[in-house]
Protein backbone atom coordinates (compact mmCIF):
# COMPACT_ATOMS: atom_id res chain seq x y z
CA UNK A 1 0.00 0.00 0.00
CA UNK A 2 1.45 3.34 -1.09
CA UNK A 3 1.74 6.29 1.29
CA UNK A 4 1.60 10.05 0.95
CA UNK A 5 1.68 12.90 3.43
CA UNK A 6 -0.17 16.22 3.38
CA UNK A 7 -0.74 18.78 6.07
CA UNK A 8 -4.53 18.97 5.49
CA UNK A 9 -6.61 16.28 3.79
CA UNK A 10 -10.28 16.77 2.90
CA UNK A 11 -12.61 13.91 1.99
CA UNK A 12 -15.36 15.14 -0.32
CA UNK A 13 -15.38 17.65 -3.18
CA UNK A 14 -18.86 18.95 -2.46
CA UNK A 15 -19.58 22.55 -1.55
CA UNK A 16 -18.34 22.23 2.05
CA UNK A 17 -15.10 20.47 1.18
CA UNK A 18 -14.22 22.79 -1.67
CA UNK A 19 -14.97 25.97 0.29
CA UNK A 20 -12.90 24.54 3.14
CA UNK A 21 -9.95 24.13 0.75
CA UNK A 22 -10.35 27.69 -0.53
CA UNK A 23 -10.74 29.09 2.98
CA UNK A 24 -7.64 27.30 4.22
CA UNK A 25 -5.65 28.50 1.22
CA UNK A 26 -6.79 32.06 1.83
CA UNK A 27 -5.74 31.68 5.49
CA UNK A 28 -2.19 30.83 4.47
CA UNK A 29 -2.19 27.04 4.18
CA UNK A 30 -0.80 25.51 1.00
CA UNK A 31 -0.47 21.76 1.50
CA UNK A 32 -4.14 20.87 1.00
CA UNK A 33 -5.59 17.99 -1.01
CA UNK A 34 -9.25 17.13 -1.62
CA UNK A 35 -10.06 13.47 -2.29
CA UNK A 36 -13.34 12.77 -4.07
CA UNK A 37 -15.08 9.42 -4.43
CA UNK A 38 -16.56 9.88 -7.93
CA UNK A 39 -14.29 9.38 -10.90
CA UNK A 40 -15.43 12.51 -12.75
CA UNK A 41 -17.12 15.53 -11.23
CA UNK A 42 -19.94 16.87 -13.40
CA UNK A 43 -22.37 19.80 -13.02
CA UNK A 44 -25.19 17.66 -11.66
CA UNK A 45 -28.19 18.58 -9.53
CA UNK A 46 -30.68 21.41 -9.53
CA UNK A 47 -30.94 24.79 -7.86
CA UNK A 48 -29.83 25.90 -4.41
CA UNK A 49 -30.02 29.16 -2.52
CA UNK A 50 -26.97 30.84 -1.05
CA UNK A 51 -28.17 33.10 1.75
CA UNK A 52 -26.46 36.42 2.56
CA UNK A 53 -24.28 34.97 5.32
CA UNK A 54 -22.85 32.46 2.83
CA UNK A 55 -22.46 35.06 0.07
CA UNK A 56 -20.52 37.21 2.54
CA UNK A 57 -18.03 34.38 3.00
CA UNK A 58 -17.75 33.73 -0.74
CA UNK A 59 -17.24 37.45 -1.31
CA UNK A 60 -14.42 37.56 1.24
CA UNK A 61 -12.85 34.65 -0.66
CA UNK A 62 -12.92 36.77 -3.83
CA UNK A 63 -15.75 34.79 -5.43
CA UNK A 64 -18.70 37.14 -5.04
CA UNK A 65 -18.91 38.34 -8.65
CA UNK A 66 -18.15 34.92 -10.12
CA UNK A 67 -20.92 33.24 -8.14
CA UNK A 68 -23.38 36.06 -8.79
CA UNK A 69 -22.81 35.57 -12.52
CA UNK A 70 -24.04 31.97 -12.22
CA UNK A 71 -27.58 32.82 -11.17
CA UNK A 72 -30.00 35.45 -9.98
CA UNK A 73 -30.52 37.46 -6.79
CA UNK A 74 -34.11 36.97 -5.54
CA UNK A 75 -35.89 40.19 -4.65
CA UNK A 76 -38.48 38.63 -2.33
CA UNK A 77 -39.54 35.46 -0.55
CA UNK A 78 -43.30 34.98 -0.51
CA UNK A 79 -45.42 32.33 1.21
CA UNK A 80 -48.88 31.24 0.03
CA UNK A 81 -51.45 28.65 1.02
CA UNK A 82 -52.43 25.85 -1.35
CA UNK A 83 -55.14 28.13 -2.80
CA UNK A 84 -52.52 30.66 -3.85
CA UNK A 85 -53.53 33.20 -1.20
CA UNK A 86 -50.66 35.30 0.22
CA UNK A 87 -49.52 34.59 3.79
CA UNK A 88 -46.23 36.46 4.21
CA UNK A 89 -43.79 38.26 1.96
CA UNK A 90 -40.45 39.87 2.73
CA UNK A 91 -37.58 41.39 0.76
CA UNK A 92 -34.38 39.36 0.44
CA UNK A 93 -30.71 40.10 0.07
CA UNK A 94 -29.75 43.67 -0.76
CA UNK A 95 -33.45 44.59 -0.85
CA UNK A 96 -33.69 43.64 2.84
CA UNK A 97 -30.78 45.79 3.98
CA UNK A 98 -28.02 43.18 3.83
CA UNK A 99 -24.60 44.17 2.58
CA UNK A 100 -24.59 40.98 0.49
CA UNK A 101 -27.23 39.47 -1.82
CA UNK A 102 -29.01 36.16 -1.67
CA UNK A 103 -28.20 34.11 -4.78
CA UNK A 104 -30.11 31.32 -6.51
CA UNK A 105 -27.71 29.17 -8.54
CA UNK A 106 -27.49 25.76 -10.14
CA UNK A 107 -25.75 23.53 -7.62
CA UNK A 108 -23.64 21.68 -10.19
CA UNK A 109 -22.46 24.84 -11.92
CA UNK A 110 -21.54 26.33 -8.55
CA UNK A 111 -19.65 23.20 -7.55
CA UNK A 112 -17.68 23.17 -10.81
CA UNK A 113 -16.77 26.83 -10.31
CA UNK A 114 -15.41 25.95 -6.87
CA UNK A 115 -13.42 23.05 -8.35
CA UNK A 116 -11.92 25.44 -10.89
CA UNK A 117 -10.95 27.87 -8.14
CA UNK A 118 -9.35 25.19 -5.97
CA UNK A 119 -7.24 23.94 -8.87
CA UNK A 120 -6.35 27.49 -9.90
CA UNK A 121 -5.19 28.42 -6.40
CA UNK A 122 -3.71 25.13 -5.19
CA UNK A 123 -2.66 23.31 -8.35
CA UNK A 124 -3.94 20.53 -10.61
CA UNK A 125 -3.30 17.80 -8.02
CA UNK A 126 -5.34 19.53 -5.32
CA UNK A 127 -8.54 17.67 -6.30
CA UNK A 128 -8.05 13.92 -6.74
CA UNK A 129 -11.07 12.11 -8.07
CA UNK A 130 -11.84 8.40 -7.99
CA UNK A 131 -10.60 8.07 -4.39
CA UNK A 132 -12.98 6.40 -1.93
CA UNK A 133 -12.37 6.87 1.79
CA UNK A 134 -12.18 3.59 3.72
CA UNK A 135 -11.18 4.59 7.24
CA UNK A 136 -9.20 7.06 9.35
CA UNK A 137 -6.72 6.10 12.09
CA UNK A 138 -6.20 8.79 14.73
CA UNK A 139 -2.72 9.39 16.13
CA UNK A 140 -1.39 11.83 18.69
CA UNK A 141 -0.12 14.21 16.06
CA UNK A 142 -1.00 12.60 12.72
CA UNK A 143 -4.10 11.21 11.00
CA UNK A 144 -3.78 8.24 8.66
CA UNK A 145 -6.57 7.96 6.11
CA UNK A 146 -6.98 4.89 3.90
CA UNK A 147 -8.46 5.35 0.46
CA UNK A 148 -9.20 3.01 -2.44
CA UNK A 149 -8.66 4.04 -6.04
CA UNK A 150 -10.99 3.02 -8.86
CA UNK A 151 -8.99 -0.13 -9.59
CA UNK A 152 -9.31 -1.22 -5.97
CA UNK A 153 -5.75 -0.42 -4.97
CA UNK A 154 -5.53 1.03 -1.47
CA UNK A 155 -3.28 3.86 -0.39
CA UNK A 156 -2.66 5.73 2.84
CA UNK A 157 -2.42 9.48 3.33
CA UNK A 158 -1.00 11.10 6.46
CA UNK A 159 -2.04 14.57 7.55
CA UNK A 160 -1.97 16.99 10.44
CA UNK A 161 -5.72 17.56 10.02
CA UNK A 162 -8.32 15.39 8.32
CA UNK A 163 -11.67 16.92 7.33
CA UNK A 164 -14.65 14.64 6.71
CA UNK A 165 -16.75 16.66 4.27
CA UNK A 166 -18.11 13.52 2.60
CA UNK A 167 -21.82 14.15 2.91
CA UNK A 168 -24.82 12.65 4.64
CA UNK A 169 -23.39 9.14 4.21
CA UNK A 170 -19.99 10.22 5.59
CA UNK A 171 -17.49 7.40 6.05
CA UNK A 172 -15.81 9.22 8.93
CA UNK A 173 -19.14 9.67 10.70
CA UNK A 174 -20.07 6.02 10.15
CA UNK A 175 -16.71 4.97 11.57
CA UNK A 176 -17.22 7.04 14.71
CA UNK A 177 -20.95 6.27 15.06
CA UNK A 178 -21.17 2.69 13.71
CA UNK A 179 -24.64 1.97 15.11
CA UNK A 180 -26.30 5.13 13.82
CA UNK A 181 -27.89 3.53 10.78
CA UNK A 182 -29.49 5.17 7.76
CA UNK A 183 -30.61 8.81 7.79
CA UNK A 184 -34.11 9.01 9.32
CA UNK A 185 -36.96 9.79 6.92
CA UNK A 186 -39.87 12.03 7.91
CA UNK A 187 -42.35 10.56 5.42
CA UNK A 188 -42.15 13.36 2.85
CA UNK A 189 -41.07 12.85 -0.74
CA UNK A 190 -39.43 15.65 -2.74
CA UNK A 191 -39.46 15.96 -6.52
CA UNK A 192 -36.91 18.43 -7.83
CA UNK A 193 -36.47 19.80 -11.31
CA UNK A 194 -36.01 22.86 -13.51
CA UNK A 195 -38.32 24.13 -16.22
CA UNK A 196 -38.81 27.10 -18.50
CA UNK A 197 -42.09 28.77 -17.63
CA UNK A 198 -43.77 32.16 -18.01
CA UNK A 199 -42.19 34.55 -15.54
CA UNK A 200 -44.32 35.00 -12.42
CA UNK A 201 -44.79 37.99 -10.10
CA UNK A 202 -41.77 40.31 -10.56
CA UNK A 203 -39.58 37.61 -12.17
CA UNK A 204 -37.25 37.51 -9.15
CA UNK A 205 -39.44 36.20 -6.33
CA UNK A 206 -38.87 32.91 -4.52
CA UNK A 207 -42.28 31.41 -3.69
CA UNK A 208 -43.42 28.68 -1.32
CA UNK A 209 -47.02 27.48 -1.41
CA UNK A 210 -48.85 24.86 0.62
CA UNK A 211 -48.38 23.44 4.10
CA UNK A 212 -46.70 20.59 5.99
CA UNK A 213 -48.47 17.89 3.94
CA UNK A 214 -48.02 19.26 0.44
CA UNK A 215 -45.88 22.12 -0.81
CA UNK A 216 -44.47 23.70 -3.95
CA UNK A 217 -41.33 25.87 -4.03
CA UNK A 218 -40.03 27.78 -7.06
CA UNK A 219 -37.40 30.39 -7.76
CA UNK A 220 -35.75 31.76 -10.94
CA UNK A 221 -32.23 30.67 -11.82
CA UNK A 222 -31.79 33.30 -14.57
CA UNK A 223 -33.21 36.72 -15.25
CA UNK A 224 -36.26 37.01 -17.49
CA UNK A 225 -35.28 36.99 -21.15
CA UNK A 226 -36.08 40.65 -21.78
CA UNK A 227 -34.10 40.82 -25.04
CA UNK A 228 -36.36 38.32 -26.78
CA UNK A 229 -39.43 39.71 -25.01
CA UNK A 230 -40.45 36.12 -24.42
CA UNK A 231 -41.47 36.65 -20.82
CA UNK A 232 -40.04 33.23 -20.00
CA UNK A 233 -37.92 32.34 -17.01
CA UNK A 234 -35.78 29.34 -16.06
CA UNK A 235 -36.95 28.22 -12.63
CA UNK A 236 -35.95 25.61 -10.12
CA UNK A 237 -38.80 23.89 -8.33
CA UNK A 238 -39.40 21.47 -5.48
CA UNK A 239 -42.71 19.64 -5.25
CA UNK A 240 -43.31 17.95 -1.93
CA UNK A 241 -45.97 15.52 -0.67
CA UNK A 242 -46.34 13.22 2.31
CA UNK A 243 -46.12 9.62 1.14
CA UNK A 244 -49.00 7.18 1.71
CA UNK A 245 -48.80 5.25 4.96
CA UNK A 246 -46.60 2.17 4.63
CA UNK A 247 -44.32 3.68 1.95
CA UNK A 248 -40.62 3.04 2.47
CA UNK A 249 -38.01 5.63 1.58
CA UNK A 250 -35.77 4.78 -1.32
CA UNK A 251 -32.02 4.92 -0.78
CA UNK A 252 -31.54 6.40 -4.27
CA UNK A 253 -31.18 10.16 -4.07
CA UNK A 254 -31.17 10.70 -7.85
CA UNK A 255 -34.02 8.55 -9.17
CA UNK A 256 -35.59 9.97 -12.32
CA UNK A 257 -39.37 9.79 -12.35
CA UNK A 258 -42.26 10.43 -14.74
CA UNK A 259 -43.76 13.90 -14.15
CA UNK A 260 -47.35 12.82 -14.91
CA UNK A 261 -48.25 11.47 -11.43
CA UNK A 262 -46.77 14.58 -9.80
CA UNK A 263 -48.70 16.86 -12.15
CA UNK A 264 -51.84 15.00 -11.07
CA UNK A 265 -51.07 15.60 -7.39
CA UNK A 266 -50.87 19.35 -8.06
CA UNK A 267 -53.61 19.58 -10.72
CA UNK A 268 -55.65 22.11 -8.71
CA UNK A 269 -52.69 24.41 -8.05
CA UNK A 270 -53.08 26.64 -11.12
CA UNK A 271 -52.84 30.07 -9.51
CA UNK A 272 -53.50 33.40 -11.22
CA UNK A 273 -49.79 34.18 -10.95
CA UNK A 274 -48.22 30.71 -11.51
CA UNK A 275 -49.49 27.52 -13.16
CA UNK A 276 -47.89 24.90 -10.90
CA UNK A 277 -48.94 21.75 -12.81
CA UNK A 278 -47.71 23.28 -16.07
CA UNK A 279 -44.35 24.11 -14.51
CA UNK A 280 -43.94 20.52 -13.31
CA UNK A 281 -45.01 19.10 -16.68
CA UNK A 282 -42.43 21.27 -18.48
CA UNK A 283 -39.47 19.94 -16.47
CA UNK A 284 -36.44 18.62 -18.36
CA UNK A 285 -36.27 15.83 -15.82
CA UNK A 286 -37.52 15.24 -12.30
CA UNK A 287 -35.46 13.63 -9.56
CA UNK A 288 -37.09 12.04 -6.53
CA UNK A 289 -35.65 12.28 -3.03
CA UNK A 290 -36.83 11.21 0.41
CA UNK A 291 -36.69 14.07 2.91
CA UNK A 292 -34.08 12.84 5.37
CA UNK A 293 -31.63 14.39 7.80
CA UNK A 294 -29.28 13.29 10.57
CA UNK A 295 -29.79 13.41 14.33
CA UNK A 296 -27.40 15.74 16.18
CA UNK A 297 -24.33 14.03 17.61
CA UNK A 298 -22.30 14.99 20.67
CA UNK A 299 -18.91 15.11 18.96
CA UNK A 300 -17.53 16.29 15.63
CA UNK A 301 -13.82 16.00 16.50
CA UNK A 302 -11.94 12.70 16.78
CA UNK A 303 -8.19 13.06 17.28
CA UNK A 304 -7.25 15.52 14.55
CA UNK A 305 -10.18 14.53 12.33
CA UNK A 306 -13.32 16.62 12.12
CA UNK A 307 -16.75 16.50 10.48
CA UNK A 308 -18.03 19.32 8.28
CA UNK A 309 -21.21 20.06 6.30
CA UNK A 310 -23.79 17.32 5.81
CA UNK A 311 -21.47 14.82 7.45
CA UNK A 312 -21.86 16.84 10.64
CA UNK A 313 -25.41 18.18 10.44
CA UNK A 314 -27.47 17.17 7.41
CA UNK A 315 -30.84 18.92 7.75
CA UNK A 316 -34.13 19.30 5.91
CA UNK A 317 -34.20 21.99 3.20
CA UNK A 318 -36.75 24.04 5.19
CA UNK A 319 -35.19 27.48 5.22
CA UNK A 320 -32.93 26.82 2.19
CA UNK A 321 -29.88 26.72 4.43
CA UNK A 322 -27.93 23.48 3.92
CA UNK A 323 -25.24 24.74 1.53
CA UNK A 324 -24.94 28.02 3.42
CA UNK A 325 -24.29 26.23 6.72
CA UNK A 326 -21.57 24.09 5.10
CA UNK A 327 -19.90 27.29 3.88
CA UNK A 328 -20.03 28.75 7.39
CA UNK A 329 -18.49 25.52 8.73
CA UNK A 330 -15.63 25.78 6.25
CA UNK A 331 -14.86 29.41 6.99
CA UNK A 332 -15.09 28.93 10.77
CA UNK A 333 -12.78 25.91 10.69
CA UNK A 334 -10.19 27.72 8.58
CA UNK A 335 -10.37 30.76 10.87
CA UNK A 336 -9.62 28.73 14.00
CA UNK A 337 -6.85 26.71 12.36
CA UNK A 338 -5.22 29.90 11.11
CA UNK A 339 -5.34 31.41 14.59
CA UNK A 340 -3.89 28.32 16.27
CA UNK A 341 -0.54 28.43 17.99
CA UNK A 342 1.17 26.35 20.63
CA UNK A 343 0.46 28.89 23.34
CA UNK A 344 -3.30 28.45 22.85
CA UNK A 345 -3.28 24.68 22.38
CA UNK A 346 -2.47 24.39 18.69
CA UNK A 347 -4.50 22.29 16.26
CA UNK A 348 -6.38 20.35 18.92
CA UNK A 349 -7.66 23.54 20.55
CA UNK A 350 -8.54 25.01 17.14
CA UNK A 351 -10.67 21.99 16.25
CA UNK A 352 -12.39 22.20 19.62
CA UNK A 353 -13.11 25.90 19.08
CA UNK A 354 -14.63 25.15 15.67
CA UNK A 355 -16.88 22.49 17.16
CA UNK A 356 -17.87 24.77 20.00
CA UNK A 357 -18.85 27.51 17.55
CA UNK A 358 -20.72 25.37 15.06
CA UNK A 359 -22.13 22.21 16.67
CA UNK A 360 -24.62 23.83 19.12
CA UNK A 361 -25.72 26.36 16.50
CA UNK A 362 -26.42 23.75 13.85
CA UNK A 363 -28.14 21.43 16.35
CA UNK A 364 -30.52 24.27 17.20
CA UNK A 365 -31.08 25.00 13.52
CA UNK A 366 -31.67 21.32 12.76
CA UNK A 367 -34.38 21.23 15.43
CA UNK A 368 -36.04 24.28 13.86
CA UNK A 369 -36.05 22.68 10.40
CA UNK A 370 -37.83 19.66 11.86
CA UNK A 371 -40.51 22.11 12.99
CA UNK A 372 -40.68 23.49 9.41
CA UNK A 373 -38.34 26.41 10.07
CA UNK A 374 -39.67 29.73 8.73
CA UNK A 375 -42.05 27.76 6.50
CA UNK A 376 -44.23 26.92 9.49
CA UNK A 377 -46.22 30.07 8.71
CA UNK A 378 -47.88 28.03 5.95
CA UNK A 379 -48.81 25.23 8.35
CA UNK A 380 -50.13 27.66 10.96
CA UNK A 381 -52.26 29.35 8.29
CA UNK A 382 -53.63 25.97 7.24
CA UNK A 383 -54.34 24.87 10.81
CA UNK A 384 -56.23 28.08 11.57
CA UNK A 385 -57.93 28.54 8.20
CA UNK A 386 -57.87 25.29 6.15
CA UNK A 387 -60.45 26.66 3.71
CA UNK A 388 -58.60 29.91 3.11
CA UNK A 389 -59.07 33.44 4.40
CA UNK A 390 -60.11 36.90 3.31
CA UNK A 391 -57.15 38.53 5.08
CA UNK A 392 -54.20 36.57 6.51
CA UNK A 393 -53.96 38.97 9.45
CA UNK A 394 -57.38 37.77 10.60
CA UNK A 395 -55.75 34.40 11.39
CA UNK A 396 -52.04 35.24 11.71
CA UNK A 397 -51.10 38.68 13.05
CA UNK A 398 -48.30 40.51 11.29
CA UNK A 399 -46.28 40.57 14.51
CA UNK A 400 -46.40 36.78 14.77
CA UNK A 401 -45.34 36.37 11.16
CA UNK A 402 -42.43 38.78 11.65
CA UNK A 403 -41.34 37.00 14.84
CA UNK A 404 -41.20 33.62 13.10
CA UNK A 405 -39.09 35.05 10.28
CA UNK A 406 -36.73 36.89 12.65
CA UNK A 407 -36.27 33.93 15.00
CA UNK A 408 -35.12 31.72 12.14
CA UNK A 409 -32.73 34.32 10.76
CA UNK A 410 -31.11 34.76 14.16
CA UNK A 411 -30.74 30.99 14.67
CA UNK A 412 -29.26 30.55 11.19
CA UNK A 413 -26.88 33.49 11.53
CA UNK A 414 -28.30 35.83 8.92
CA UNK A 415 -30.44 38.35 10.73
CA UNK A 416 -29.52 41.57 8.89
CA UNK A 417 -28.19 43.58 11.84
CA UNK A 418 -26.20 40.69 13.30
CA UNK A 419 -24.69 39.64 9.98
CA UNK A 420 -23.81 43.14 8.83
CA UNK A 421 -22.10 43.94 12.13
CA UNK A 422 -20.37 40.71 13.12
CA UNK A 423 -16.61 40.33 12.81
CA UNK A 424 -15.11 38.80 9.70
CA UNK A 425 -14.14 35.12 9.56
CA UNK A 426 -11.04 36.12 7.62
CA UNK A 427 -8.11 35.81 10.08
CA UNK A 428 -6.94 39.31 11.14
CA UNK A 429 -3.47 38.91 9.70
CA UNK A 430 -4.96 38.04 6.30
CA UNK A 431 -7.12 41.17 6.14
CA UNK A 432 -5.97 44.22 4.26
């Protein structure tokens, strides 16, 4: 078995792992290698939202303009019931007083941009594909990770720090929590896709309609094609429905399905401002996912190995926060490692500080997503007025709606005042 040595090794070339590599490089580290299981990274997936706290971090990494060019900045987030009646609407990003926008981008295109940046800044060998993590042995001052290449040959890599950014099915997490089992499913099925549809509302609004049993989410990925005066927009959507009793969740997170049965489920959701069944029917393809997450765990750090992103805190998409939290993990970890010195406990203390900053915060956020996060305004509206309402404030006072929105922003770390005023996660000596 061959051996290599690197100061920092990252398992997983997803968003968290790649942003960790970029953050560490920006903090002054150079000997960083990302090992990725798949043999060829491709721009797969559908849309994601990068909230202002994540865009701040990407901007401080010098990526703000490049990422903004990949998508669109939503102007508003609006909630509706399943009749298309408005519940709550609020400005987003720069329109809401943030110093940074919210961005809706294609996940695969964003990932490939990050891959390009890692290679550009750290060299062609910084991302090594076709390398499957097998296990990690913890030493007093060195971590030994075993990988298998595509031909089955095993090799060992030594490092000062090992980062497990290998997703919801993390090998490092499974090693440390061998009895945990599969991610728990909450009984909801998600169907995700993109389609070209007539632009709705102002052409830049992210909408959520429905309740805890059935929901539809949509947001533009590109600006309306004004040049051609077509009035069409490329949108990402998520259709969600509770599965019939007795249904078992599939383990396949990328199963293509026929849109016709989903169109039927949403056949009555043709609103004045958006024809939901038509948007679903127009999808290029639809991928089916079970809505799963991971229970909080009491440790992220094992020796000099540490969990990051979905491997640490996979959560439901309620609140559109998964990718953003992985980015915050990456920046926080790099900050503490850059600030480490022997007088303050070195690497071990830095990893502990990262866990102390991020684990309680994400555990709290995970609990909120299980209670629908900010989207619970739709469920409350349904519970109080299942047949609809003449005025939402007759059933849900404005103050209550505002409180729900603000509580989630504070828990997730992107309440405008707190985000705009908090200190940078760029180490002081790296700032201009």
